[in-house]
All heavy atoms as atom14 arrays in JSON, in Angstrom:
{
  "sequence": "LIVAWLNQICFRVCYNLHRKQQRYDQEMTGYDSVVEGQLRAPASNPED",
  "atom14_mask": [
    [1, 1, 1, 1, 1, 1, 1, 1, 0, 0, 0, 0, 0, 0],
    [1, 1, 1, 1, 1, 1, 1, 1, 0, 0, 0, 0, 0, 0],
    [1, 1, 1, 1, 1, 1, 1, 0, 0, 0, 0, 0, 0, 0],
    [1, 1, 1, 1, 1, 0, 0, 0, 0, 0, 0, 0, 0, 0],
    [1, 1, 1, 1, 1, 1, 1, 1, 1, 1, 1, 1, 1, 1],
    [1, 1, 1, 1, 1, 1, 1, 1, 0, 0, 0, 0, 0, 0],
    [1, 1, 1, 1, 1, 1, 1, 1, 0, 0, 0, 0, 0, 0],
    [1, 1, 1, 1, 1, 1, 1, 1, 1, 0, 0, 0, 0, 0],
    [1, 1, 1, 1, 1, 1, 1, 1, 0, 0, 0, 0, 0, 0],
    [1, 1, 1, 1, 1, 1, 0, 0, 0, 0, 0, 0, 0, 0],
    [1, 1, 1, 1, 1, 1, 1, 1, 1, 1, 1, 0, 0, 0],
    [1, 1, 1, 1, 1, 1, 1, 1, 1, 1, 1, 0, 0, 0],
    [1, 1, 1, 1, 1, 1, 1, 0, 0, 0, 0, 0, 0, 0],
    [1, 1, 1, 1, 1, 1, 0, 0, 0, 0, 0, 0, 0, 0],
    [1, 1, 1, 1, 1, 1, 1, 1, 1, 1, 1, 1, 0, 0],
    [1, 1, 1, 1, 1, 1, 1, 1, 0, 0, 0, 0, 0, 0],
    [1, 1, 1, 1, 1, 1, 1, 1, 0, 0, 0, 0, 0, 0],
    [1, 1, 1, 1, 1, 1, 1, 1, 1, 1, 0, 0, 0, 0],
    [1, 1, 1, 1, 1, 1, 1, 1, 1, 1, 1, 0, 0, 0],
    [1, 1, 1, 1, 1, 1, 1, 1, 1, 0, 0, 0, 0, 0],
    [1, 1, 1, 1, 1, 1, 1, 1, 1, 0, 0, 0, 0, 0],
    [1, 1, 1, 1, 1, 1, 1, 1, 1, 0, 0, 0, 0, 0],
    [1, 1, 1, 1, 1, 1, 1, 1, 1, 1, 1, 0, 0, 0],
    [1, 1, 1, 1, 1, 1, 1, 1, 1, 1, 1, 1, 0, 0],
    [1, 1, 1, 1, 1, 1, 1, 1, 0, 0, 0, 0, 0, 0],
    [1, 1, 1, 1, 1, 1, 1, 1, 1, 0, 0, 0, 0, 0],
    [1, 1, 1, 1, 1, 1, 1, 1, 1, 0, 0, 0, 0, 0],
    [1, 1, 1, 1, 1, 1, 1, 1, 0, 0, 0, 0, 0, 0],
    [1, 1, 1, 1, 1, 1, 1, 0, 0, 0, 0, 0, 0, 0],
    [1, 1, 1, 1, 0, 0, 0, 0, 0, 0, 0, 0, 0, 0],
    [1, 1, 1, 1, 1, 1, 1, 1, 1, 1, 1, 1, 0, 0],
    [1, 1, 1, 1, 1, 1, 1, 1, 0, 0, 0, 0, 0, 0],
    [1, 1, 1, 1, 1, 1, 0, 0, 0, 0, 0, 0, 0, 0],
    [1, 1, 1, 1, 1, 1, 1, 0, 0, 0, 0, 0, 0, 0],
    [1, 1, 1, 1, 1, 1, 1, 0, 0, 0, 0, 0, 0, 0],
    [1, 1, 1, 1, 1, 1, 1, 1, 1, 0, 0, 0, 0, 0],
    [1, 1, 1, 1, 0, 0, 0, 0, 0, 0, 0, 0, 0, 0],
    [1, 1, 1, 1, 1, 1, 1, 1, 1, 0, 0, 0, 0, 0],
    [1, 1, 1, 1, 1, 1, 1, 1, 0, 0, 0, 0, 0, 0],
    [1, 1, 1, 1, 1, 1, 1, 1, 1, 1, 1, 0, 0, 0],
    [1, 1, 1, 1, 1, 0, 0, 0, 0, 0, 0, 0, 0, 0],
    [1, 1, 1, 1, 1, 1, 1, 0, 0, 0, 0, 0, 0, 0],
    [1, 1, 1, 1, 1, 0, 0, 0, 0, 0, 0, 0, 0, 0],
    [1, 1, 1, 1, 1, 1, 0, 0, 0, 0, 0, 0, 0, 0],
    [1, 1, 1, 1, 1, 1, 1, 1, 0, 0, 0, 0, 0, 0],
    [1, 1, 1, 1, 1, 1, 1, 0, 0, 0, 0, 0, 0, 0],
    [1, 1, 1, 1, 1, 1, 1, 1, 1, 0, 0, 0, 0, 0],
    [1, 1, 1, 1, 1, 1, 1, 1, 0, 0, 0, 0, 0, 0]
  ],
  "atom14_positions": [
    [[81.3, -92.34, 15.52], [80.22, -92.7, 14.65], [80.58, -93.75, 13.63], [79.81, -93.98, 12.68], [79.68, -91.45, 13.93], [79.12, -90.34, 14.85], [78.76, -89.12, 14.02], [77.95, -90.84, 15.59], [0.0, 0.0, 0.0], [0.0, 0.0, 0.0], [0.0, 0.0, 0.0], [0.0, 0.0, 0.0], [0.0, 0.0, 0.0], [0.0, 0.0, 0.0]],
    [[81.7, -94.42, 13.79], [82.18, -95.39, 12.83], [81.17, -96.48, 12.56], [80.96, -96.86, 11.43], [83.56, -95.99, 13.22], [84.13, -96.91, 12.11], [83.46, -96.71, 14.51], [84.49, -96.21, 10.84], [0.0, 0.0, 0.0], [0.0, 0.0, 0.0], [0.0, 0.0, 0.0], [0.0, 0.0, 0.0], [0.0, 0.0, 0.0], [0.0, 0.0, 0.0]],
    [[80.56, -97.01, 13.55], [79.62, -98.12, 13.42], [78.41, -97.74, 12.56], [77.99, -98.45, 11.63], [79.21, -98.77, 14.74], [78.15, -99.87, 14.53], [80.42, -99.37, 15.46], [0.0, 0.0, 0.0], [0.0, 0.0, 0.0], [0.0, 0.0, 0.0], [0.0, 0.0, 0.0], [0.0, 0.0, 0.0], [0.0, 0.0, 0.0], [0.0, 0.0, 0.0]],
    [[77.83, -96.56, 12.87], [76.72, -96.08, 12.09], [77.15, -95.77, 10.66], [76.41, -96.07, 9.7], [76.14, -94.79, 12.73], [0.0, 0.0, 0.0], [0.0, 0.0, 0.0], [0.0, 0.0, 0.0], [0.0, 0.0, 0.0], [0.0, 0.0, 0.0], [0.0, 0.0, 0.0], [0.0, 0.0, 0.0], [0.0, 0.0, 0.0], [0.0, 0.0, 0.0]],
    [[78.32, -95.26, 10.48], [78.88, -94.96, 9.19], [79.05, -96.27, 8.37], [78.67, -96.33, 7.19], [80.17, -94.18, 9.32], [80.8, -93.62, 8.13], [80.24, -92.67, 7.29], [82.06, -94.0, 7.6], [81.13, -92.42, 6.27], [82.26, -93.16, 6.44], [83.09, -94.84, 8.0], [83.44, -93.22, 5.7], [84.26, -94.89, 7.24], [84.39, -94.09, 6.06]],
    [[79.65, -97.31, 9.02], [79.79, -98.58, 8.35], [78.44, -99.15, 7.96], [78.28, -99.76, 6.9], [80.53, -99.56, 9.22], [82.06, -99.38, 9.33], [82.67, -100.29, 10.35], [82.72, -99.64, 8.0], [0.0, 0.0, 0.0], [0.0, 0.0, 0.0], [0.0, 0.0, 0.0], [0.0, 0.0, 0.0], [0.0, 0.0, 0.0], [0.0, 0.0, 0.0]],
    [[77.45, -99.03, 8.86], [76.12, -99.54, 8.62], [75.56, -98.86, 7.36], [74.93, -99.53, 6.52], [75.2, -99.29, 9.78], [75.49, -100.13, 10.98], [76.24, -101.11, 10.89], [74.98, -99.73, 12.13], [0.0, 0.0, 0.0], [0.0, 0.0, 0.0], [0.0, 0.0, 0.0], [0.0, 0.0, 0.0], [0.0, 0.0, 0.0], [0.0, 0.0, 0.0]],
    [[75.72, -97.58, 7.24], [75.22, -96.84, 6.1], [75.92, -97.32, 4.83], [75.23, -97.51, 3.79], [75.41, -95.35, 6.35], [74.76, -94.49, 5.31], [74.95, -93.0, 5.65], [75.86, -92.57, 6.31], [74.03, -92.14, 5.11], [0.0, 0.0, 0.0], [0.0, 0.0, 0.0], [0.0, 0.0, 0.0], [0.0, 0.0, 0.0], [0.0, 0.0, 0.0]],
    [[77.19, -97.45, 4.86], [77.94, -97.88, 3.68], [77.52, -99.26, 3.24], [77.21, -99.56, 2.1], [79.49, -97.85, 3.91], [79.99, -96.43, 4.1], [80.22, -98.56, 2.76], [81.42, -96.36, 4.58], [0.0, 0.0, 0.0], [0.0, 0.0, 0.0], [0.0, 0.0, 0.0], [0.0, 0.0, 0.0], [0.0, 0.0, 0.0], [0.0, 0.0, 0.0]],
    [[77.4, -100.17, 4.27], [77.0, -101.54, 3.99], [75.58, -101.6, 3.41], [75.3, -102.38, 2.44], [77.08, -102.38, 5.27], [76.84, -104.12, 5.02], [0.0, 0.0, 0.0], [0.0, 0.0, 0.0], [0.0, 0.0, 0.0], [0.0, 0.0, 0.0], [0.0, 0.0, 0.0], [0.0, 0.0, 0.0], [0.0, 0.0, 0.0], [0.0, 0.0, 0.0]],
    [[74.67, -100.83, 3.94], [73.31, -100.77, 3.38], [73.33, -100.36, 1.92], [72.69, -100.94, 1.07], [72.43, -99.83, 4.22], [71.06, -99.64, 3.54], [70.13, -100.65, 3.64], [70.81, -98.49, 2.8], [68.89, -100.47, 2.97], [69.6, -98.34, 2.19], [68.64, -99.34, 2.29], [0.0, 0.0, 0.0], [0.0, 0.0, 0.0], [0.0, 0.0, 0.0]],
    [[74.04, -99.26, 1.58], [74.08, -98.77, 0.22], [74.74, -99.77, -0.71], [74.24, -99.98, -1.84], [74.89, -97.47, 0.15], [74.09, -96.31, 0.72], [74.79, -95.03, 0.6], [73.99, -93.94, 1.14], [74.46, -92.77, 1.56], [75.74, -92.55, 1.42], [73.65, -91.88, 2.01], [0.0, 0.0, 0.0], [0.0, 0.0, 0.0], [0.0, 0.0, 0.0]],
    [[75.79, -100.47, -0.28], [76.41, -101.47, -1.07], [75.46, -102.6, -1.36], [75.32, -103.11, -2.49], [77.75, -101.98, -0.43], [78.27, -103.17, -1.07], [78.81, -100.87, -0.47], [0.0, 0.0, 0.0], [0.0, 0.0, 0.0], [0.0, 0.0, 0.0], [0.0, 0.0, 0.0], [0.0, 0.0, 0.0], [0.0, 0.0, 0.0], [0.0, 0.0, 0.0]],
    [[74.81, -103.1, -0.27], [73.83, -104.2, -0.41], [72.69, -103.8, -1.32], [72.24, -104.62, -2.14], [73.33, -104.63, 0.97], [74.55, -105.49, 1.94], [0.0, 0.0, 0.0], [0.0, 0.0, 0.0], [0.0, 0.0, 0.0], [0.0, 0.0, 0.0], [0.0, 0.0, 0.0], [0.0, 0.0, 0.0], [0.0, 0.0, 0.0], [0.0, 0.0, 0.0]],
    [[72.2, -102.62, -1.12], [71.08, -102.12, -1.95], [71.44, -102.2, -3.45], [70.71, -102.65, -4.29], [70.64, -100.72, -1.53], [69.59, -100.15, -2.39], [68.22, -100.55, -2.23], [69.85, -99.19, -3.38], [67.24, -99.96, -3.0], [68.86, -98.63, -4.15], [67.53, -99.07, -3.96], [66.55, -98.53, -4.75], [0.0, 0.0, 0.0], [0.0, 0.0, 0.0]],
    [[72.68, -101.65, -3.75], [73.14, -101.63, -5.14], [73.32, -103.06, -5.68], [72.98, -103.35, -6.82], [74.4, -100.82, -5.27], [74.16, -99.32, -5.07], [73.06, -98.84, -5.29], [75.17, -98.58, -4.66], [0.0, 0.0, 0.0], [0.0, 0.0, 0.0], [0.0, 0.0, 0.0], [0.0, 0.0, 0.0], [0.0, 0.0, 0.0], [0.0, 0.0, 0.0]],
    [[73.95, -103.9, -4.88], [74.1, -105.31, -5.3], [72.82, -106.02, -5.54], [72.68, -106.75, -6.51], [74.98, -106.09, -4.28], [76.44, -105.84, -4.25], [77.11, -106.58, -3.12], [77.08, -106.32, -5.56], [0.0, 0.0, 0.0], [0.0, 0.0, 0.0], [0.0, 0.0, 0.0], [0.0, 0.0, 0.0], [0.0, 0.0, 0.0], [0.0, 0.0, 0.0]],
    [[71.84, -105.73, -4.69], [70.54, -106.37, -4.82], [69.83, -105.89, -6.08], [69.25, -106.69, -6.84], [69.66, -106.09, -3.57], [68.31, -106.7, -3.62], [68.15, -108.07, -3.5], [67.1, -106.16, -3.78], [66.84, -108.34, -3.54], [66.17, -107.19, -3.73], [0.0, 0.0, 0.0], [0.0, 0.0, 0.0], [0.0, 0.0, 0.0], [0.0, 0.0, 0.0]],
    [[69.93, -104.64, -6.32], [69.36, -104.1, -7.63], [69.99, -104.7, -8.82], [69.29, -105.13, -9.77], [69.43, -102.56, -7.68], [68.38, -101.93, -6.82], [68.33, -100.4, -7.01], [68.82, -99.96, -8.27], [69.37, -98.76, -8.45], [69.47, -97.92, -7.46], [69.81, -98.4, -9.63], [0.0, 0.0, 0.0], [0.0, 0.0, 0.0], [0.0, 0.0, 0.0]],
    [[71.31, -104.8, -8.8], [72.02, -105.41, -9.95], [71.65, -106.84, -10.1], [71.44, -107.34, -11.22], [73.56, -105.33, -9.68], [74.16, -103.98, -9.93], [75.63, -104.06, -9.68], [76.26, -102.64, -9.64], [77.67, -102.67, -9.29], [0.0, 0.0, 0.0], [0.0, 0.0, 0.0], [0.0, 0.0, 0.0], [0.0, 0.0, 0.0], [0.0, 0.0, 0.0]],
    [[71.49, -107.58, -8.99], [71.1, -108.98, -9.03], [69.69, -109.15, -9.6], [69.48, -110.02, -10.39], [71.17, -109.57, -7.62], [70.98, -111.09, -7.58], [71.99, -111.8, -8.35], [73.19, -111.49, -8.33], [71.63, -112.87, -9.04], [0.0, 0.0, 0.0], [0.0, 0.0, 0.0], [0.0, 0.0, 0.0], [0.0, 0.0, 0.0], [0.0, 0.0, 0.0]],
    [[68.79, -108.28, -9.22], [67.45, -108.29, -9.74], [67.4, -108.09, -11.23], [66.76, -108.84, -11.96], [66.52, -107.29, -9.06], [66.1, -107.71, -7.69], [65.13, -106.66, -7.05], [65.34, -105.44, -7.2], [64.16, -107.15, -6.36], [0.0, 0.0, 0.0], [0.0, 0.0, 0.0], [0.0, 0.0, 0.0], [0.0, 0.0, 0.0], [0.0, 0.0, 0.0]],
    [[68.13, -107.09, -11.72], [68.21, -106.84, -13.17], [68.81, -108.01, -13.87], [68.32, -108.44, -14.92], [69.02, -105.57, -13.39], [68.23, -104.32, -13.29], [69.09, -103.18, -13.73], [70.27, -103.15, -12.88], [70.85, -102.09, -12.42], [70.42, -100.9, -12.7], [71.86, -102.17, -11.63], [0.0, 0.0, 0.0], [0.0, 0.0, 0.0], [0.0, 0.0, 0.0]],
    [[69.89, -108.57, -13.31], [70.54, -109.72, -13.86], [69.56, -110.92, -13.98], [69.45, -111.52, -15.07], [71.73, -110.09, -13.07], [72.43, -111.36, -13.49], [73.33, -111.38, -14.54], [72.15, -112.56, -12.85], [73.97, -112.55, -14.95], [72.77, -113.72, -13.25], [73.66, -113.7, -14.28], [74.27, -114.84, -14.66], [0.0, 0.0, 0.0], [0.0, 0.0, 0.0]],
    [[68.86, -111.15, -12.92], [67.93, -112.32, -12.94], [66.82, -112.08, -13.97], [66.39, -113.05, -14.64], [67.29, -112.5, -11.51], [68.28, -113.02, -10.5], [69.37, -113.56, -10.92], [68.02, -112.91, -9.32], [0.0, 0.0, 0.0], [0.0, 0.0, 0.0], [0.0, 0.0, 0.0], [0.0, 0.0, 0.0], [0.0, 0.0, 0.0], [0.0, 0.0, 0.0]],
    [[66.3, -110.86, -14.08], [65.28, -110.59, -15.07], [65.79, -110.76, -16.5], [65.13, -111.34, -17.33], [64.73, -109.16, -14.91], [63.87, -108.95, -13.69], [63.55, -107.49, -13.46], [64.14, -106.58, -14.06], [62.65, -107.27, -12.51], [0.0, 0.0, 0.0], [0.0, 0.0, 0.0], [0.0, 0.0, 0.0], [0.0, 0.0, 0.0], [0.0, 0.0, 0.0]],
    [[67.01, -110.29, -16.77], [67.61, -110.45, -18.05], [67.84, -111.89, -18.38], [67.57, -112.4, -19.5], [68.91, -109.7, -18.16], [68.81, -108.23, -18.17], [70.16, -107.5, -18.14], [71.19, -108.19, -18.21], [70.17, -106.29, -18.04], [0.0, 0.0, 0.0], [0.0, 0.0, 0.0], [0.0, 0.0, 0.0], [0.0, 0.0, 0.0], [0.0, 0.0, 0.0]],
    [[68.33, -112.65, -17.41], [68.71, -114.04, -17.65], [67.54, -114.95, -17.77], [67.59, -115.94, -18.44], [69.66, -114.52, -16.59], [71.03, -113.88, -16.55], [71.88, -114.01, -18.13], [71.81, -112.37, -18.74], [0.0, 0.0, 0.0], [0.0, 0.0, 0.0], [0.0, 0.0, 0.0], [0.0, 0.0, 0.0], [0.0, 0.0, 0.0], [0.0, 0.0, 0.0]],
    [[66.4, -114.6, -17.18], [65.21, -115.46, -17.32], [64.82, -115.59, -18.74], [64.56, -116.68, -19.26], [64.1, -114.85, -16.47], [64.49, -114.8, -15.07], [62.83, -115.69, -16.57], [0.0, 0.0, 0.0], [0.0, 0.0, 0.0], [0.0, 0.0, 0.0], [0.0, 0.0, 0.0], [0.0, 0.0, 0.0], [0.0, 0.0, 0.0], [0.0, 0.0, 0.0]],
    [[64.75, -114.47, -19.46], [64.42, -114.5, -20.84], [65.49, -115.11, -21.71], [65.26, -115.86, -22.63], [0.0, 0.0, 0.0], [0.0, 0.0, 0.0], [0.0, 0.0, 0.0], [0.0, 0.0, 0.0], [0.0, 0.0, 0.0], [0.0, 0.0, 0.0], [0.0, 0.0, 0.0], [0.0, 0.0, 0.0], [0.0, 0.0, 0.0], [0.0, 0.0, 0.0]],
    [[66.72, -114.76, -21.38], [67.87, -115.23, -22.21], [68.06, -116.73, -22.06], [68.38, -117.41, -23.05], [69.11, -114.45, -21.83], [70.25, -114.75, -22.72], [70.33, -114.06, -23.95], [71.26, -115.68, -22.46], [71.35, -114.32, -24.85], [72.26, -115.93, -23.33], [72.32, -115.3, -24.5], [73.34, -115.5, -25.35], [0.0, 0.0, 0.0], [0.0, 0.0, 0.0]],
    [[67.97, -117.25, -20.84], [68.11, -118.72, -20.68], [67.23, -119.52, -21.54], [67.62, -120.55, -22.14], [67.88, -119.08, -19.16], [69.08, -118.73, -18.26], [70.16, -118.47, -18.86], [68.92, -118.76, -17.06], [0.0, 0.0, 0.0], [0.0, 0.0, 0.0], [0.0, 0.0, 0.0], [0.0, 0.0, 0.0], [0.0, 0.0, 0.0], [0.0, 0.0, 0.0]],
    [[65.97, -119.14, -21.61], [64.99, -119.89, -22.44], [65.41, -119.85, -23.9], [65.22, -120.84, -24.61], [63.59, -119.43, -22.22], [63.49, -118.04, -22.6], [0.0, 0.0, 0.0], [0.0, 0.0, 0.0], [0.0, 0.0, 0.0], [0.0, 0.0, 0.0], [0.0, 0.0, 0.0], [0.0, 0.0, 0.0], [0.0, 0.0, 0.0], [0.0, 0.0, 0.0]],
    [[65.89, -118.73, -24.39], [66.32, -118.62, -25.8], [67.53, -119.49, -26.05], [67.54, -120.32, -26.98], [66.6, -117.12, -26.15], [67.26, -117.09, -27.51], [65.33, -116.36, -26.12], [0.0, 0.0, 0.0], [0.0, 0.0, 0.0], [0.0, 0.0, 0.0], [0.0, 0.0, 0.0], [0.0, 0.0, 0.0], [0.0, 0.0, 0.0], [0.0, 0.0, 0.0]],
    [[68.59, -119.38, -25.19], [69.78, -120.16, -25.37], [69.51, -121.64, -25.27], [69.92, -122.43, -26.1], [70.86, -119.75, -24.35], [72.06, -120.69, -24.37], [71.37, -118.34, -24.71], [0.0, 0.0, 0.0], [0.0, 0.0, 0.0], [0.0, 0.0, 0.0], [0.0, 0.0, 0.0], [0.0, 0.0, 0.0], [0.0, 0.0, 0.0], [0.0, 0.0, 0.0]],
    [[68.78, -122.02, -24.23], [68.43, -123.44, -24.06], [67.63, -123.97, -25.2], [67.82, -125.1, -25.66], [67.74, -123.68, -22.69], [68.73, -123.53, -21.57], [68.0, -123.64, -20.17], [66.8, -123.91, -20.15], [68.72, -123.38, -19.2], [0.0, 0.0, 0.0], [0.0, 0.0, 0.0], [0.0, 0.0, 0.0], [0.0, 0.0, 0.0], [0.0, 0.0, 0.0]],
    [[66.75, -123.17, -25.72], [65.94, -123.54, -26.87], [66.8, -123.78, -28.12], [66.63, -124.74, -28.85], [0.0, 0.0, 0.0], [0.0, 0.0, 0.0], [0.0, 0.0, 0.0], [0.0, 0.0, 0.0], [0.0, 0.0, 0.0], [0.0, 0.0, 0.0], [0.0, 0.0, 0.0], [0.0, 0.0, 0.0], [0.0, 0.0, 0.0], [0.0, 0.0, 0.0]],
    [[67.84, -122.89, -28.31], [68.69, -123.06, -29.45], [69.62, -124.29, -29.28], [69.89, -124.99, -30.26], [69.61, -121.81, -29.58], [68.89, -120.63, -30.1], [69.84, -119.42, -30.25], [70.89, -119.43, -29.66], [69.36, -118.44, -30.98], [0.0, 0.0, 0.0], [0.0, 0.0, 0.0], [0.0, 0.0, 0.0], [0.0, 0.0, 0.0], [0.0, 0.0, 0.0]],
    [[70.01, -124.53, -28.07], [70.95, -125.62, -27.83], [70.28, -127.01, -27.73], [70.9, -128.03, -27.97], [71.79, -125.39, -26.56], [72.67, -124.17, -26.6], [73.35, -124.0, -25.24], [73.74, -124.29, -27.69], [0.0, 0.0, 0.0], [0.0, 0.0, 0.0], [0.0, 0.0, 0.0], [0.0, 0.0, 0.0], [0.0, 0.0, 0.0], [0.0, 0.0, 0.0]],
    [[68.97, -127.05, -27.38], [68.31, -128.33, -27.06], [67.04, -128.59, -27.81], [66.36, -129.54, -27.54], [68.04, -128.35, -25.53], [69.28, -128.26, -24.72], [68.98, -128.45, -23.27], [70.23, -128.39, -22.56], [70.39, -127.71, -21.47], [69.45, -127.1, -20.86], [71.6, -127.7, -20.87], [0.0, 0.0, 0.0], [0.0, 0.0, 0.0], [0.0, 0.0, 0.0]],
    [[66.72, -127.76, -28.79], [65.49, -127.97, -29.51], [65.54, -129.24, -30.4], [66.51, -129.46, -31.13], [65.19, -126.73, -30.44], [0.0, 0.0, 0.0], [0.0, 0.0, 0.0], [0.0, 0.0, 0.0], [0.0, 0.0, 0.0], [0.0, 0.0, 0.0], [0.0, 0.0, 0.0], [0.0, 0.0, 0.0], [0.0, 0.0, 0.0], [0.0, 0.0, 0.0]],
    [[64.54, -130.11, -30.3], [64.54, -131.33, -31.13], [64.22, -131.03, -32.59], [63.43, -130.14, -32.87], [63.45, -132.2, -30.47], [62.54, -131.21, -29.86], [63.35, -130.08, -29.41], [0.0, 0.0, 0.0], [0.0, 0.0, 0.0], [0.0, 0.0, 0.0], [0.0, 0.0, 0.0], [0.0, 0.0, 0.0], [0.0, 0.0, 0.0], [0.0, 0.0, 0.0]],
    [[64.8, -131.79, -33.5], [64.57, -131.57, -34.9], [63.34, -132.36, -35.34], [63.05, -133.43, -34.78], [65.76, -132.06, -35.73], [0.0, 0.0, 0.0], [0.0, 0.0, 0.0], [0.0, 0.0, 0.0], [0.0, 0.0, 0.0], [0.0, 0.0, 0.0], [0.0, 0.0, 0.0], [0.0, 0.0, 0.0], [0.0, 0.0, 0.0], [0.0, 0.0, 0.0]],
    [[62.57, -131.8, -36.28], [61.32, -132.42, -36.75], [61.52, -133.28, -37.94], [60.74, -134.18, -38.17], [60.24, -131.37, -36.95], [60.68, -130.45, -37.97], [0.0, 0.0, 0.0], [0.0, 0.0, 0.0], [0.0, 0.0, 0.0], [0.0, 0.0, 0.0], [0.0, 0.0, 0.0], [0.0, 0.0, 0.0], [0.0, 0.0, 0.0], [0.0, 0.0, 0.0]],
    [[62.55, -133.06, -38.75], [62.83, -133.95, -39.96], [64.31, -134.0, -40.17], [65.06, -133.21, -39.64], [62.05, -133.47, -41.16], [62.5, -132.1, -41.61], [63.7, -131.82, -41.76], [61.56, -131.18, -41.92], [0.0, 0.0, 0.0], [0.0, 0.0, 0.0], [0.0, 0.0, 0.0], [0.0, 0.0, 0.0], [0.0, 0.0, 0.0], [0.0, 0.0, 0.0]],
    [[64.8, -134.9, -41.06], [66.23, -135.1, -41.27], [66.94, -133.85, -41.71], [68.07, -133.57, -41.28], [66.33, -136.18, -42.32], [65.07, -136.93, -42.2], [64.0, -135.95, -41.77], [0.0, 0.0, 0.0], [0.0, 0.0, 0.0], [0.0, 0.0, 0.0], [0.0, 0.0, 0.0], [0.0, 0.0, 0.0], [0.0, 0.0, 0.0], [0.0, 0.0, 0.0]],
    [[66.32, -133.05, -42.58], [66.96, -131.8, -43.04], [67.11, -130.84, -41.86], [68.18, -130.2, -41.72], [66.08, -131.14, -44.11], [66.78, -130.0, -44.82], [65.91, -129.47, -45.96], [65.94, -130.07, -47.03], [65.24, -128.46, -45.73], [0.0, 0.0, 0.0], [0.0, 0.0, 0.0], [0.0, 0.0, 0.0], [0.0, 0.0, 0.0], [0.0, 0.0, 0.0]],
    [[66.08, -130.71, -41.09], [66.18, -129.81, -39.91], [67.25, -130.34, -38.9], [67.93, -129.55, -38.25], [64.84, -129.73, -39.16], [63.8, -128.91, -39.94], [64.25, -128.16, -40.86], [62.63, -129.06, -39.7], [0.0, 0.0, 0.0], [0.0, 0.0, 0.0], [0.0, 0.0, 0.0], [0.0, 0.0, 0.0], [0.0, 0.0, 0.0], [0.0, 0.0, 0.0]]
  ]
}
């Protein structure tokens, strides 16, 4: 039953990696805009 067992392990590993990747992508979507805004926002006057 090794092949079926490997298939099951591989599926669980892929499922977990996919879930982690989805969470990461969701977190980074919001974070990227904040970081990029802080690093690239144009100034409106000399003091700013």
